[in-house]
Amino acid sequence: KALVELRTPETVSINAFHQMDDRWALMGD
């Protein structure tokens, strides 16, 4: 048999969205 014990890394995300006008929107993460 073969065995590997592991934990995948956690993530934290901070993001923003802004509708500038009827056509354009900007966003980031």
mmCIF file of all heavy atoms, coordinates in Angstrom:
data_MODEL
# 
_entry.id   MODEL 
# 
loop_
_atom_site.group_PDB 
_atom_site.id 
_atom_site.type_symbol 
_atom_site.label_atom_id 
_atom_site.label_alt_id 
_atom_site.label_comp_id 
_atom_site.label_asym_id 
_atom_site.label_entity_id 
_atom_site.label_seq_id 
_atom_site.pdbx_PDB_ins_code 
_atom_site.Cartn_x 
_atom_site.Cartn_y 
_atom_site.Cartn_z 
_atom_site.occupancy 
_atom_site.B_iso_or_equiv 
_atom_site.pdbx_formal_charge 
_atom_site.auth_seq_id 
_atom_site.auth_comp_id 
_atom_site.auth_asym_id 
_atom_site.auth_atom_id 
_atom_site.pdbx_PDB_model_num 
ATOM 1   N N   . LYS A 1 1  ? 0.833   -1.185 0.000   1.00 0.00 ? 1  LYS A N   1 
ATOM 2   C CA  . LYS A 1 1  ? 0.000   0.000  0.000   1.00 0.00 ? 1  LYS A CA  1 
ATOM 3   C C   . LYS A 1 1  ? 0.883   1.256  0.000   1.00 0.00 ? 1  LYS A C   1 
ATOM 4   O O   . LYS A 1 1  ? 2.085   1.195  0.266   1.00 0.00 ? 1  LYS A O   1 
ATOM 5   C CB  . LYS A 1 1  ? -0.918  0.017  1.226   1.00 0.00 ? 1  LYS A CB  1 
ATOM 6   C CG  . LYS A 1 1  ? -1.864  -1.168 1.305   1.00 0.00 ? 1  LYS A CG  1 
ATOM 7   C CD  . LYS A 1 1  ? -2.843  -1.155 0.143   1.00 0.00 ? 1  LYS A CD  1 
ATOM 8   C CE  . LYS A 1 1  ? -3.809  -2.321 0.237   1.00 0.00 ? 1  LYS A CE  1 
ATOM 9   N NZ  . LYS A 1 1  ? -4.787  -2.317 -0.894  1.00 0.00 ? 1  LYS A NZ  1 
ATOM 10  N N   . ALA A 1 2  ? 0.273   2.380  -0.303  1.00 0.00 ? 2  ALA A N   1 
ATOM 11  C CA  . ALA A 1 2  ? 0.959   3.669  -0.227  1.00 0.00 ? 2  ALA A CA  1 
ATOM 12  C C   . ALA A 1 2  ? 0.023   4.665  0.447   1.00 0.00 ? 2  ALA A C   1 
ATOM 13  O O   . ALA A 1 2  ? -1.196  4.594  0.282   1.00 0.00 ? 2  ALA A O   1 
ATOM 14  C CB  . ALA A 1 2  ? 1.349   4.158  -1.609  1.00 0.00 ? 2  ALA A CB  1 
ATOM 15  N N   . LEU A 1 3  ? 0.590   5.580  1.201   1.00 0.00 ? 3  LEU A N   1 
ATOM 16  C CA  . LEU A 1 3  ? -0.217  6.541  1.952   1.00 0.00 ? 3  LEU A CA  1 
ATOM 17  C C   . LEU A 1 3  ? 0.484   7.889  1.993   1.00 0.00 ? 3  LEU A C   1 
ATOM 18  O O   . LEU A 1 3  ? 1.677   7.977  2.300   1.00 0.00 ? 3  LEU A O   1 
ATOM 19  C CB  . LEU A 1 3  ? -0.446  6.043  3.381   1.00 0.00 ? 3  LEU A CB  1 
ATOM 20  C CG  . LEU A 1 3  ? -1.072  7.048  4.364   1.00 0.00 ? 3  LEU A CG  1 
ATOM 21  C CD1 . LEU A 1 3  ? -2.506  7.380  3.942   1.00 0.00 ? 3  LEU A CD1 1 
ATOM 22  C CD2 . LEU A 1 3  ? -1.043  6.497  5.786   1.00 0.00 ? 3  LEU A CD2 1 
ATOM 23  N N   . VAL A 1 4  ? -0.266  8.935  1.679   1.00 0.00 ? 4  VAL A N   1 
ATOM 24  C CA  . VAL A 1 4  ? 0.209   10.305 1.852   1.00 0.00 ? 4  VAL A CA  1 
ATOM 25  C C   . VAL A 1 4  ? -0.882  11.097 2.557   1.00 0.00 ? 4  VAL A C   1 
ATOM 26  O O   . VAL A 1 4  ? -2.027  11.111 2.117   1.00 0.00 ? 4  VAL A O   1 
ATOM 27  C CB  . VAL A 1 4  ? 0.545   10.979 0.507   1.00 0.00 ? 4  VAL A CB  1 
ATOM 28  C CG1 . VAL A 1 4  ? 0.868   12.451 0.726   1.00 0.00 ? 4  VAL A CG1 1 
ATOM 29  C CG2 . VAL A 1 4  ? 1.715   10.291 -0.156  1.00 0.00 ? 4  VAL A CG2 1 
ATOM 30  N N   . GLU A 1 5  ? -0.528  11.725 3.660   1.00 0.00 ? 5  GLU A N   1 
ATOM 31  C CA  . GLU A 1 5  ? -1.450  12.597 4.377   1.00 0.00 ? 5  GLU A CA  1 
ATOM 32  C C   . GLU A 1 5  ? -1.087  14.045 4.075   1.00 0.00 ? 5  GLU A C   1 
ATOM 33  O O   . GLU A 1 5  ? 0.068   14.444 4.226   1.00 0.00 ? 5  GLU A O   1 
ATOM 34  C CB  . GLU A 1 5  ? -1.370  12.331 5.874   1.00 0.00 ? 5  GLU A CB  1 
ATOM 35  C CG  . GLU A 1 5  ? -1.726  10.904 6.259   1.00 0.00 ? 5  GLU A CG  1 
ATOM 36  C CD  . GLU A 1 5  ? -1.670  10.677 7.763   1.00 0.00 ? 5  GLU A CD  1 
ATOM 37  O OE1 . GLU A 1 5  ? -2.359  11.429 8.490   1.00 0.00 ? 5  GLU A OE1 1 
ATOM 38  O OE2 . GLU A 1 5  ? -0.937  9.772  8.192   1.00 0.00 ? 5  GLU A OE2 1 
ATOM 39  N N   . LEU A 1 6  ? -2.076  14.815 3.656   1.00 0.00 ? 6  LEU A N   1 
ATOM 40  C CA  . LEU A 1 6  ? -1.807  16.201 3.310   1.00 0.00 ? 6  LEU A CA  1 
ATOM 41  C C   . LEU A 1 6  ? -3.039  17.058 3.549   1.00 0.00 ? 6  LEU A C   1 
ATOM 42  O O   . LEU A 1 6  ? -4.148  16.547 3.698   1.00 0.00 ? 6  LEU A O   1 
ATOM 43  C CB  . LEU A 1 6  ? -1.361  16.327 1.847   1.00 0.00 ? 6  LEU A CB  1 
ATOM 44  C CG  . LEU A 1 6  ? -2.320  15.851 0.759   1.00 0.00 ? 6  LEU A CG  1 
ATOM 45  C CD1 . LEU A 1 6  ? -3.275  16.956 0.349   1.00 0.00 ? 6  LEU A CD1 1 
ATOM 46  C CD2 . LEU A 1 6  ? -1.557  15.343 -0.445  1.00 0.00 ? 6  LEU A CD2 1 
ATOM 47  N N   . ARG A 1 7  ? -2.828  18.358 3.564   1.00 0.00 ? 7  ARG A N   1 
ATOM 48  C CA  . ARG A 1 7  ? -3.914  19.330 3.645   1.00 0.00 ? 7  ARG A CA  1 
ATOM 49  C C   . ARG A 1 7  ? -3.721  20.361 2.556   1.00 0.00 ? 7  ARG A C   1 
ATOM 50  O O   . ARG A 1 7  ? -2.644  20.950 2.426   1.00 0.00 ? 7  ARG A O   1 
ATOM 51  C CB  . ARG A 1 7  ? -3.939  20.020 5.013   1.00 0.00 ? 7  ARG A CB  1 
ATOM 52  C CG  . ARG A 1 7  ? -4.371  19.128 6.163   1.00 0.00 ? 7  ARG A CG  1 
ATOM 53  C CD  . ARG A 1 7  ? -4.412  19.907 7.462   1.00 0.00 ? 7  ARG A CD  1 
ATOM 54  N NE  . ARG A 1 7  ? -5.419  20.969 7.409   1.00 0.00 ? 7  ARG A NE  1 
ATOM 55  C CZ  . ARG A 1 7  ? -5.565  21.890 8.368   1.00 0.00 ? 7  ARG A CZ  1 
ATOM 56  N NH1 . ARG A 1 7  ? -4.753  21.877 9.416   1.00 0.00 ? 7  ARG A NH1 1 
ATOM 57  N NH2 . ARG A 1 7  ? -6.495  22.808 8.264   1.00 0.00 ? 7  ARG A NH2 1 
ATOM 58  N N   . THR A 1 8  ? -4.741  20.569 1.753   1.00 0.00 ? 8  THR A N   1 
ATOM 59  C CA  . THR A 1 8  ? -4.670  21.594 0.735   1.00 0.00 ? 8  THR A CA  1 
ATOM 60  C C   . THR A 1 8  ? -4.675  22.969 1.400   1.00 0.00 ? 8  THR A C   1 
ATOM 61  O O   . THR A 1 8  ? -5.257  23.138 2.475   1.00 0.00 ? 8  THR A O   1 
ATOM 62  C CB  . THR A 1 8  ? -5.853  21.482 -0.236  1.00 0.00 ? 8  THR A CB  1 
ATOM 63  O OG1 . THR A 1 8  ? -7.073  21.675 0.489   1.00 0.00 ? 8  THR A OG1 1 
ATOM 64  C CG2 . THR A 1 8  ? -5.869  20.118 -0.903  1.00 0.00 ? 8  THR A CG2 1 
ATOM 65  N N   . PRO A 1 9  ? -4.057  23.963 0.810   1.00 0.00 ? 9  PRO A N   1 
ATOM 66  C CA  . PRO A 1 9  ? -3.972  25.278 1.456   1.00 0.00 ? 9  PRO A CA  1 
ATOM 67  C C   . PRO A 1 9  ? -5.279  26.054 1.371   1.00 0.00 ? 9  PRO A C   1 
ATOM 68  O O   . PRO A 1 9  ? -6.006  25.986 0.380   1.00 0.00 ? 9  PRO A O   1 
ATOM 69  C CB  . PRO A 1 9  ? -2.867  25.976 0.669   1.00 0.00 ? 9  PRO A CB  1 
ATOM 70  C CG  . PRO A 1 9  ? -2.899  25.327 -0.670  1.00 0.00 ? 9  PRO A CG  1 
ATOM 71  C CD  . PRO A 1 9  ? -3.278  23.898 -0.433  1.00 0.00 ? 9  PRO A CD  1 
ATOM 72  N N   . GLU A 1 10 ? -5.587  26.813 2.428   1.00 0.00 ? 10 GLU A N   1 
ATOM 73  C CA  . GLU A 1 10 ? -6.767  27.665 2.413   1.00 0.00 ? 10 GLU A CA  1 
ATOM 74  C C   . GLU A 1 10 ? -6.466  28.959 1.665   1.00 0.00 ? 10 GLU A C   1 
ATOM 75  O O   . GLU A 1 10 ? -5.309  29.332 1.477   1.00 0.00 ? 10 GLU A O   1 
ATOM 76  C CB  . GLU A 1 10 ? -7.253  27.966 3.827   1.00 0.00 ? 10 GLU A CB  1 
ATOM 77  C CG  . GLU A 1 10 ? -6.225  28.607 4.711   1.00 0.00 ? 10 GLU A CG  1 
ATOM 78  C CD  . GLU A 1 10 ? -5.450  27.614 5.541   1.00 0.00 ? 10 GLU A CD  1 
ATOM 79  O OE1 . GLU A 1 10 ? -4.892  26.647 4.983   1.00 0.00 ? 10 GLU A OE1 1 
ATOM 80  O OE2 . GLU A 1 10 ? -5.382  27.796 6.775   1.00 0.00 ? 10 GLU A OE2 1 
ATOM 81  N N   . THR A 1 11 ? -7.535  29.648 1.255   1.00 0.00 ? 11 THR A N   1 
ATOM 82  C CA  . THR A 1 11 ? -7.390  30.911 0.535   1.00 0.00 ? 11 THR A CA  1 
ATOM 83  C C   . THR A 1 11 ? -8.303  31.975 1.145   1.00 0.00 ? 11 THR A C   1 
ATOM 84  O O   . THR A 1 11 ? -9.373  31.662 1.680   1.00 0.00 ? 11 THR A O   1 
ATOM 85  C CB  . THR A 1 11 ? -7.731  30.764 -0.954  1.00 0.00 ? 11 THR A CB  1 
ATOM 86  O OG1 . THR A 1 11 ? -9.112  30.378 -1.088  1.00 0.00 ? 11 THR A OG1 1 
ATOM 87  C CG2 . THR A 1 11 ? -6.848  29.725 -1.623  1.00 0.00 ? 11 THR A CG2 1 
ATOM 88  N N   . VAL A 1 12 ? -7.865  33.225 1.049   1.00 0.00 ? 12 VAL A N   1 
ATOM 89  C CA  . VAL A 1 12 ? -8.663  34.386 1.423   1.00 0.00 ? 12 VAL A CA  1 
ATOM 90  C C   . VAL A 1 12 ? -8.625  35.366 0.254   1.00 0.00 ? 12 VAL A C   1 
ATOM 91  O O   . VAL A 1 12 ? -7.539  35.701 -0.237  1.00 0.00 ? 12 VAL A O   1 
ATOM 92  C CB  . VAL A 1 12 ? -8.143  35.069 2.697   1.00 0.00 ? 12 VAL A CB  1 
ATOM 93  C CG1 . VAL A 1 12 ? -8.954  36.323 3.002   1.00 0.00 ? 12 VAL A CG1 1 
ATOM 94  C CG2 . VAL A 1 12 ? -8.187  34.105 3.879   1.00 0.00 ? 12 VAL A CG2 1 
ATOM 95  N N   . SER A 1 13 ? -9.805  35.813 -0.181  1.00 0.00 ? 13 SER A N   1 
ATOM 96  C CA  . SER A 1 13 ? -9.894  36.735 -1.311  1.00 0.00 ? 13 SER A CA  1 
ATOM 97  C C   . SER A 1 13 ? -10.626 38.006 -0.895  1.00 0.00 ? 13 SER A C   1 
ATOM 98  O O   . SER A 1 13 ? -11.643 37.950 -0.197  1.00 0.00 ? 13 SER A O   1 
ATOM 99  C CB  . SER A 1 13 ? -10.628 36.092 -2.493  1.00 0.00 ? 13 SER A CB  1 
ATOM 100 O OG  . SER A 1 13 ? -9.941  34.960 -2.983  1.00 0.00 ? 13 SER A OG  1 
ATOM 101 N N   . ILE A 1 14 ? -10.107 39.130 -1.348  1.00 0.00 ? 14 ILE A N   1 
ATOM 102 C CA  . ILE A 1 14 ? -10.758 40.428 -1.177  1.00 0.00 ? 14 ILE A CA  1 
ATOM 103 C C   . ILE A 1 14 ? -10.972 41.016 -2.563  1.00 0.00 ? 14 ILE A C   1 
ATOM 104 O O   . ILE A 1 14 ? -10.035 41.056 -3.380  1.00 0.00 ? 14 ILE A O   1 
ATOM 105 C CB  . ILE A 1 14 ? -9.903  41.377 -0.316  1.00 0.00 ? 14 ILE A CB  1 
ATOM 106 C CG1 . ILE A 1 14 ? -9.693  40.780 1.082   1.00 0.00 ? 14 ILE A CG1 1 
ATOM 107 C CG2 . ILE A 1 14 ? -10.539 42.758 -0.220  1.00 0.00 ? 14 ILE A CG2 1 
ATOM 108 C CD1 . ILE A 1 14 ? -8.762  41.584 1.952   1.00 0.00 ? 14 ILE A CD1 1 
ATOM 109 N N   . ASN A 1 15 ? -12.203 41.446 -2.847  1.00 0.00 ? 15 ASN A N   1 
ATOM 110 C CA  . ASN A 1 15 ? -12.493 41.911 -4.192  1.00 0.00 ? 15 ASN A CA  1 
ATOM 111 C C   . ASN A 1 15 ? -13.452 43.096 -4.171  1.00 0.00 ? 15 ASN A C   1 
ATOM 112 O O   . ASN A 1 15 ? -14.116 43.370 -3.160  1.00 0.00 ? 15 ASN A O   1 
ATOM 113 C CB  . ASN A 1 15 ? -13.046 40.772 -5.053  1.00 0.00 ? 15 ASN A CB  1 
ATOM 114 C CG  . ASN A 1 15 ? -13.870 39.785 -4.252  1.00 0.00 ? 15 ASN A CG  1 
ATOM 115 O OD1 . ASN A 1 15 ? -14.933 40.139 -3.737  1.00 0.00 ? 15 ASN A OD1 1 
ATOM 116 N ND2 . ASN A 1 15 ? -13.356 38.566 -4.097  1.00 0.00 ? 15 ASN A ND2 1 
ATOM 117 N N   . ALA A 1 16 ? -13.508 43.809 -5.310  1.00 0.00 ? 16 ALA A N   1 
ATOM 118 C CA  . ALA A 1 16 ? -14.351 44.991 -5.424  1.00 0.00 ? 16 ALA A CA  1 
ATOM 119 C C   . ALA A 1 16 ? -14.886 45.097 -6.843  1.00 0.00 ? 16 ALA A C   1 
ATOM 120 O O   . ALA A 1 16 ? -14.257 44.618 -7.806  1.00 0.00 ? 16 ALA A O   1 
ATOM 121 C CB  . ALA A 1 16 ? -13.567 46.244 -5.062  1.00 0.00 ? 16 ALA A CB  1 
ATOM 122 N N   . PHE A 1 17 ? -16.066 45.729 -6.965  1.00 0.00 ? 17 PHE A N   1 
ATOM 123 C CA  . PHE A 1 17 ? -16.707 45.948 -8.271  1.00 0.00 ? 17 PHE A CA  1 
ATOM 124 C C   . PHE A 1 17 ? -17.315 47.341 -8.280  1.00 0.00 ? 17 PHE A C   1 
ATOM 125 O O   . PHE A 1 17 ? -17.963 47.751 -7.305  1.00 0.00 ? 17 PHE A O   1 
ATOM 126 C CB  . PHE A 1 17 ? -17.798 44.896 -8.501  1.00 0.00 ? 17 PHE A CB  1 
ATOM 127 C CG  . PHE A 1 17 ? -18.580 45.098 -9.774  1.00 0.00 ? 17 PHE A CG  1 
ATOM 128 C CD1 . PHE A 1 17 ? -18.154 44.522 -10.957 1.00 0.00 ? 17 PHE A CD1 1 
ATOM 129 C CD2 . PHE A 1 17 ? -19.744 45.853 -9.781  1.00 0.00 ? 17 PHE A CD2 1 
ATOM 130 C CE1 . PHE A 1 17 ? -18.865 44.699 -12.124 1.00 0.00 ? 17 PHE A CE1 1 
ATOM 131 C CE2 . PHE A 1 17 ? -20.469 46.036 -10.938 1.00 0.00 ? 17 PHE A CE2 1 
ATOM 132 C CZ  . PHE A 1 17 ? -20.028 45.462 -12.126 1.00 0.00 ? 17 PHE A CZ  1 
ATOM 133 N N   . HIS A 1 18 ? -17.102 48.067 -9.380  1.00 0.00 ? 18 HIS A N   1 
ATOM 134 C CA  . HIS A 1 18 ? -17.670 49.418 -9.491  1.00 0.00 ? 18 HIS A CA  1 
ATOM 135 C C   . HIS A 1 18 ? -18.194 49.643 -10.910 1.00 0.00 ? 18 HIS A C   1 
ATOM 136 O O   . HIS A 1 18 ? -17.434 49.529 -11.885 1.00 0.00 ? 18 HIS A O   1 
ATOM 137 C CB  . HIS A 1 18 ? -16.617 50.474 -9.163  1.00 0.00 ? 18 HIS A CB  1 
ATOM 138 C CG  . HIS A 1 18 ? -17.117 51.884 -9.318  1.00 0.00 ? 18 HIS A CG  1 
ATOM 139 N ND1 . HIS A 1 18 ? -18.175 52.376 -8.582  1.00 0.00 ? 18 HIS A ND1 1 
ATOM 140 C CD2 . HIS A 1 18 ? -16.715 52.897 -10.129 1.00 0.00 ? 18 HIS A CD2 1 
ATOM 141 C CE1 . HIS A 1 18 ? -18.401 53.627 -8.929  1.00 0.00 ? 18 HIS A CE1 1 
ATOM 142 N NE2 . HIS A 1 18 ? -17.525 53.970 -9.870  1.00 0.00 ? 18 HIS A NE2 1 
ATOM 143 N N   . GLN A 1 19 ? -19.486 49.926 -11.018 1.00 0.00 ? 19 GLN A N   1 
ATOM 144 C CA  . GLN A 1 19 ? -20.102 50.263 -12.302 1.00 0.00 ? 19 GLN A CA  1 
ATOM 145 C C   . GLN A 1 19 ? -19.902 51.760 -12.534 1.00 0.00 ? 19 GLN A C   1 
ATOM 146 O O   . GLN A 1 19 ? -20.528 52.606 -11.896 1.00 0.00 ? 19 GLN A O   1 
ATOM 147 C CB  . GLN A 1 19 ? -21.590 49.914 -12.281 1.00 0.00 ? 19 GLN A CB  1 
ATOM 148 C CG  . GLN A 1 19 ? -22.283 50.039 -13.619 1.00 0.00 ? 19 GLN A CG  1 
ATOM 149 C CD  . GLN A 1 19 ? -21.886 48.933 -14.580 1.00 0.00 ? 19 GLN A CD  1 
ATOM 150 O OE1 . GLN A 1 19 ? -21.819 47.756 -14.200 1.00 0.00 ? 19 GLN A OE1 1 
ATOM 151 N NE2 . GLN A 1 19 ? -21.607 49.311 -15.828 1.00 0.00 ? 19 GLN A NE2 1 
ATOM 152 N N   . MET A 1 20 ? -19.008 52.097 -13.467 1.00 0.00 ? 20 MET A N   1 
ATOM 153 C CA  . MET A 1 20 ? -18.642 53.494 -13.675 1.00 0.00 ? 20 MET A CA  1 
ATOM 154 C C   . MET A 1 20 ? -19.758 54.289 -14.357 1.00 0.00 ? 20 MET A C   1 
ATOM 155 O O   . MET A 1 20 ? -20.040 55.426 -13.993 1.00 0.00 ? 20 MET A O   1 
ATOM 156 C CB  . MET A 1 20 ? -17.359 53.569 -14.503 1.00 0.00 ? 20 MET A CB  1 
ATOM 157 C CG  . MET A 1 20 ? -16.162 52.916 -13.830 1.00 0.00 ? 20 MET A CG  1 
ATOM 158 S SD  . MET A 1 20 ? -14.675 53.030 -14.833 1.00 0.00 ? 20 MET A SD  1 
ATOM 159 C CE  . MET A 1 20 ? -14.440 54.805 -14.891 1.00 0.00 ? 20 MET A CE  1 
ATOM 160 N N   . ASP A 1 21 ? -20.364 53.694 -15.366 1.00 0.00 ? 21 ASP A N   1 
ATOM 161 C CA  . ASP A 1 21 ? -21.469 54.333 -16.079 1.00 0.00 ? 21 ASP A CA  1 
ATOM 162 C C   . ASP A 1 21 ? -22.293 53.237 -16.737 1.00 0.00 ? 21 ASP A C   1 
ATOM 163 O O   . ASP A 1 21 ? -22.164 52.060 -16.379 1.00 0.00 ? 21 ASP A O   1 
ATOM 164 C CB  . ASP A 1 21 ? -20.953 55.365 -17.105 1.00 0.00 ? 21 ASP A CB  1 
ATOM 165 C CG  . ASP A 1 21 ? -19.929 54.768 -18.076 1.00 0.00 ? 21 ASP A CG  1 
ATOM 166 O OD1 . ASP A 1 21 ? -20.047 53.567 -18.428 1.00 0.00 ? 21 ASP A OD1 1 
ATOM 167 O OD2 . ASP A 1 21 ? -19.005 55.497 -18.488 1.00 0.00 ? 21 ASP A OD2 1 
ATOM 168 N N   . ASP A 1 22 ? -23.104 53.596 -17.702 1.00 0.00 ? 22 ASP A N   1 
ATOM 169 C CA  . ASP A 1 22 ? -23.975 52.607 -18.335 1.00 0.00 ? 22 ASP A CA  1 
ATOM 170 C C   . ASP A 1 22 ? -23.199 51.552 -19.109 1.00 0.00 ? 22 ASP A C   1 
ATOM 171 O O   . ASP A 1 22 ? -23.730 50.463 -19.370 1.00 0.00 ? 22 ASP A O   1 
ATOM 172 C CB  . ASP A 1 22 ? -24.966 53.304 -19.275 1.00 0.00 ? 22 ASP A CB  1 
ATOM 173 C CG  . ASP A 1 22 ? -25.988 54.133 -18.516 1.00 0.00 ? 22 ASP A CG  1 
ATOM 174 O OD1 . ASP A 1 22 ? -26.148 53.879 -17.312 1.00 0.00 ? 22 ASP A OD1 1 
ATOM 175 O OD2 . ASP A 1 22 ? -26.603 55.028 -19.134 1.00 0.00 ? 22 ASP A OD2 1 
ATOM 176 N N   . ARG A 1 23 ? -21.962 51.837 -19.474 1.00 0.00 ? 23 ARG A N   1 
ATOM 177 C CA  . ARG A 1 23 ? -21.208 50.903 -20.313 1.00 0.00 ? 23 ARG A CA  1 
ATOM 178 C C   . ARG A 1 23 ? -20.023 50.253 -19.595 1.00 0.00 ? 23 ARG A C   1 
ATOM 179 O O   . ARG A 1 23 ? -19.765 49.072 -19.758 1.00 0.00 ? 23 ARG A O   1 
ATOM 180 C CB  . ARG A 1 23 ? -20.704 51.616 -21.580 1.00 0.00 ? 23 ARG A CB  1 
ATOM 181 C CG  . ARG A 1 23 ? -21.830 52.015 -22.538 1.00 0.00 ? 23 ARG A CG  1 
ATOM 182 C CD  . ARG A 1 23 ? -21.256 52.606 -23.823 1.00 0.00 ? 23 ARG A CD  1 
ATOM 183 N NE  . ARG A 1 23 ? -22.315 52.974 -24.764 1.00 0.00 ? 23 ARG A NE  1 
ATOM 184 C CZ  . ARG A 1 23 ? -22.846 52.151 -25.656 1.00 0.00 ? 23 ARG A CZ  1 
ATOM 185 N NH1 . ARG A 1 23 ? -22.416 50.902 -25.719 1.00 0.00 ? 23 ARG A NH1 1 
ATOM 186 N NH2 . ARG A 1 23 ? -23.796 52.553 -26.472 1.00 0.00 ? 23 ARG A NH2 1 
ATOM 187 N N   . TRP A 1 24 ? -19.295 51.016 -18.792 1.00 0.00 ? 24 TRP A N   1 
ATOM 188 C CA  . TRP A 1 24 ? -18.038 50.523 -18.237 1.00 0.00 ? 24 TRP A CA  1 
ATOM 189 C C   . TRP A 1 24 ? -18.170 50.115 -16.765 1.00 0.00 ? 24 TRP A C   1 
ATOM 190 O O   . TRP A 1 24 ? -18.834 50.774 -15.987 1.00 0.00 ? 24 TRP A O   1 
ATOM 191 C CB  . TRP A 1 24 ? -16.958 51.599 -18.337 1.00 0.00 ? 24 TRP A CB  1 
ATOM 192 C CG  . TRP A 1 24 ? -16.445 51.832 -19.727 1.00 0.00 ? 24 TRP A CG  1 
ATOM 193 C CD1 . TRP A 1 24 ? -16.843 52.813 -20.581 1.00 0.00 ? 24 TRP A CD1 1 
ATOM 194 C CD2 . TRP A 1 24 ? -15.443 51.082 -20.402 1.00 0.00 ? 24 TRP A CD2 1 
ATOM 195 N NE1 . TRP A 1 24 ? -16.154 52.726 -21.764 1.00 0.00 ? 24 TRP A NE1 1 
ATOM 196 C CE2 . TRP A 1 24 ? -15.281 51.657 -21.677 1.00 0.00 ? 24 TRP A CE2 1 
ATOM 197 C CE3 . TRP A 1 24 ? -14.669 49.969 -20.068 1.00 0.00 ? 24 TRP A CE3 1 
ATOM 198 C CZ2 . TRP A 1 24 ? -14.379 51.177 -22.617 1.00 0.00 ? 24 TRP A CZ2 1 
ATOM 199 C CZ3 . TRP A 1 24 ? -13.762 49.478 -21.000 1.00 0.00 ? 24 TRP A CZ3 1 
ATOM 200 C CH2 . TRP A 1 24 ? -13.623 50.078 -22.255 1.00 0.00 ? 24 TRP A CH2 1 
ATOM 201 N N   . ALA A 1 25 ? -17.485 49.004 -16.438 1.00 0.00 ? 25 ALA A N   1 
ATOM 202 C CA  . ALA A 1 25 ? -17.370 48.558 -15.044 1.00 0.00 ? 25 ALA A CA  1 
ATOM 203 C C   . ALA A 1 25 ? -15.925 48.133 -14.790 1.00 0.00 ? 25 ALA A C   1 
ATOM 204 O O   . ALA A 1 25 ? -15.277 47.547 -15.663 1.00 0.00 ? 25 ALA A O   1 
ATOM 205 C CB  . ALA A 1 25 ? -18.315 47.403 -14.756 1.00 0.00 ? 25 ALA A CB  1 
ATOM 206 N N   . LEU A 1 26 ? -15.430 48.430 -13.605 1.00 0.00 ? 26 LEU A N   1 
ATOM 207 C CA  . LEU A 1 26 ? -14.087 48.033 -13.192 1.00 0.00 ? 26 LEU A CA  1 
ATOM 208 C C   . LEU A 1 26 ? -14.178 47.093 -12.000 1.00 0.00 ? 26 LEU A C   1 
ATOM 209 O O   . LEU A 1 26 ? -15.096 47.203 -11.184 1.00 0.00 ? 26 LEU A O   1 
ATOM 210 C CB  . LEU A 1 26 ? -13.247 49.256 -12.815 1.00 0.00 ? 26 LEU A CB  1 
ATOM 211 C CG  . LEU A 1 26 ? -12.911 50.246 -13.934 1.00 0.00 ? 26 LEU A CG  1 
ATOM 212 C CD1 . LEU A 1 26 ? -12.121 51.418 -13.362 1.00 0.00 ? 26 LEU A CD1 1 
ATOM 213 C CD2 . LEU A 1 26 ? -12.123 49.560 -15.042 1.00 0.00 ? 26 LEU A CD2 1 
ATOM 214 N N   . MET A 1 27 ? -13.220 46.192 -11.898 1.00 0.00 ? 27 MET A N   1 
ATOM 215 C CA  . MET A 1 27 ? -13.229 45.227 -10.796 1.00 0.00 ? 27 MET A CA  1 
ATOM 216 C C   . MET A 1 27 ? -11.806 44.772 -10.497 1.00 0.00 ? 27 MET A C   1 
ATOM 217 O O   . MET A 1 27 ? -10.907 44.887 -11.341 1.00 0.00 ? 27 MET A O   1 
ATOM 218 C CB  . MET A 1 27 ? -14.123 44.037 -11.132 1.00 0.00 ? 27 MET A CB  1 
ATOM 219 C CG  . MET A 1 27 ? -13.666 43.240 -12.346 1.00 0.00 ? 27 MET A CG  1 
ATOM 220 S SD  . MET A 1 27 ? -15.018 42.317 -13.114 1.00 0.00 ? 27 MET A SD  1 
ATOM 221 C CE  . MET A 1 27 ? -15.876 43.636 -13.979 1.00 0.00 ? 27 MET A CE  1 
ATOM 222 N N   . GLY A 1 28 ? -11.589 44.267 -9.289  1.00 0.00 ? 28 GLY A N   1 
ATOM 223 C CA  . GLY A 1 28 ? -10.275 43.774 -8.916  1.00 0.00 ? 28 GLY A CA  1 
ATOM 224 C C   . GLY A 1 28 ? -10.366 42.729 -7.819  1.00 0.00 ? 28 GLY A C   1 
ATOM 225 O O   . GLY A 1 28 ? -11.376 42.631 -7.108  1.00 0.00 ? 28 GLY A O   1 
ATOM 226 N N   . ASP A 1 29 ? -9.308  41.952 -7.687  1.00 0.00 ? 29 ASP A N   1 
ATOM 227 C CA  . ASP A 1 29 ? -9.280  40.861 -6.697  1.00 0.00 ? 29 ASP A CA  1 
ATOM 228 C C   . ASP A 1 29 ? -7.844  40.645 -6.226  1.00 0.00 ? 29 ASP A C   1 
ATOM 229 O O   . ASP A 1 29 ? -6.895  40.689 -7.019  1.00 0.00 ? 29 ASP A O   1 
ATOM 230 C CB  . ASP A 1 29 ? -9.818  39.564 -7.314  1.00 0.00 ? 29 ASP A CB  1 
ATOM 231 C CG  . ASP A 1 29 ? -9.789  38.404 -6.339  1.00 0.00 ? 29 ASP A CG  1 
ATOM 232 O OD1 . ASP A 1 29 ? -8.733  37.739 -6.249  1.00 0.00 ? 29 ASP A OD1 1 
ATOM 233 O OD2 . ASP A 1 29 ? -10.803 38.160 -5.685  1.00 0.00 ? 29 ASP A OD2 1 
# 
